[in-house]
């Protein structure tokens, strides 16, 4: 469950900070990666050495340090983490979070973080009961923060009362339950093709395209985050996978991708064909490097095997097949034709005429068309956000 998860753990200056190394150990033991952000006061209760030893990472404490891992540490860490846990969260730091104050490493990271946030308050029960604290907590709940608090003795003031930080083991269990609930596709098997294919001319030359594989990898990660077992069949790209439930198979040619995709599809609940597969391959390859001469070099090309068409023919009831169409003209007409001819359930269309879409971009702009005749347009977004839109459509087919 926790393998591959990236946890950003924020610690503020309360006495309960001494308990946090145990929380870090629980996450690391479960397979998660943890990076720690602290206020300077937090280091009055727990040492830098302890936190860096148990997390196996340098901690982030000073936005203005002469040496930081990243130029803008709070932004880079916010992008890195899958979720943020703040424990203990003092009255002071809750006020900063609610008021939008960003004057230290933790508060700036909090404001830059746009994924799930969990807060474990820790302060004297009289401080906790103050109307200003309750107002801050109420506001933070309204904007989506989850609070981790003990349930026993809710009305008492003391060791087991309001304001006491929840115990590390209980925090770990609550977060584990949350992650389980966020994995609705556990047991599902999804095949995704990604990247380009290279069609060999000779030992050093090939026919290829500009696909980076980023869209396919974003889709694989989005499906893996939901708990699916993902088979990622990928052409030559420089990207890496970090999710343990993504099985990566590297290929080079369209023929290799065809062979693995057709052999694996029968076991899948769905397939998303995002790869930019070559339509043609040289009819003959040269065993040695071809030399430049005075005469033209003529290459005869033959069609590659059509992966989408083959899977569409073999598709069984209950299986979902998703295609991609990258077009330069008559975009919607061509996408609808592909949708029908290849027996796809829906198709993702993007056009090279749209600025910021297509190959070599961090963004994409898509239209989704389904076989019922509906068309859904989406604005320009990051490829991670586009992947979320696509899997949100896919989930409707799993109901």
Foldseek 3Di string as FASTA:
>chain_A
DQALAEEEEEEEQDLCLLQVLVLLLVSVVVHHQYAYEYEPNSCVRPPQVSVCVSRVDRHHWAQPDPDDPDVRVLLVSLVVHQEYEYPAQELVNLVCCQVVNDDISVSSNSVNHDHAYEYFAADFVVSCPDPVNVVSVVSVVVVHYHYDAQDPQDPDGDDRYPRHGDHSVSVVVVVVVVQVVQQQCAVAEEEEEFEKAWFAAEPPHTDIDQAQRVLRLLLQVVNVSNNYQYEYEYEDHDDDDRRPSYHYDYDHAPQVVLVVLLVPVVVHLEYEYHYHHDQKHFPDHDHHDDDDDPDDDDTDIDGDDDNLQSCLVVDDPRHAYEYEDEEAPPFVVVLLVCCVNSNHQKYKYFYPVDPQDDGPHQKHWIWMAGPVGDIRGDGIDGSSVVSVVVVVVVVVSVD
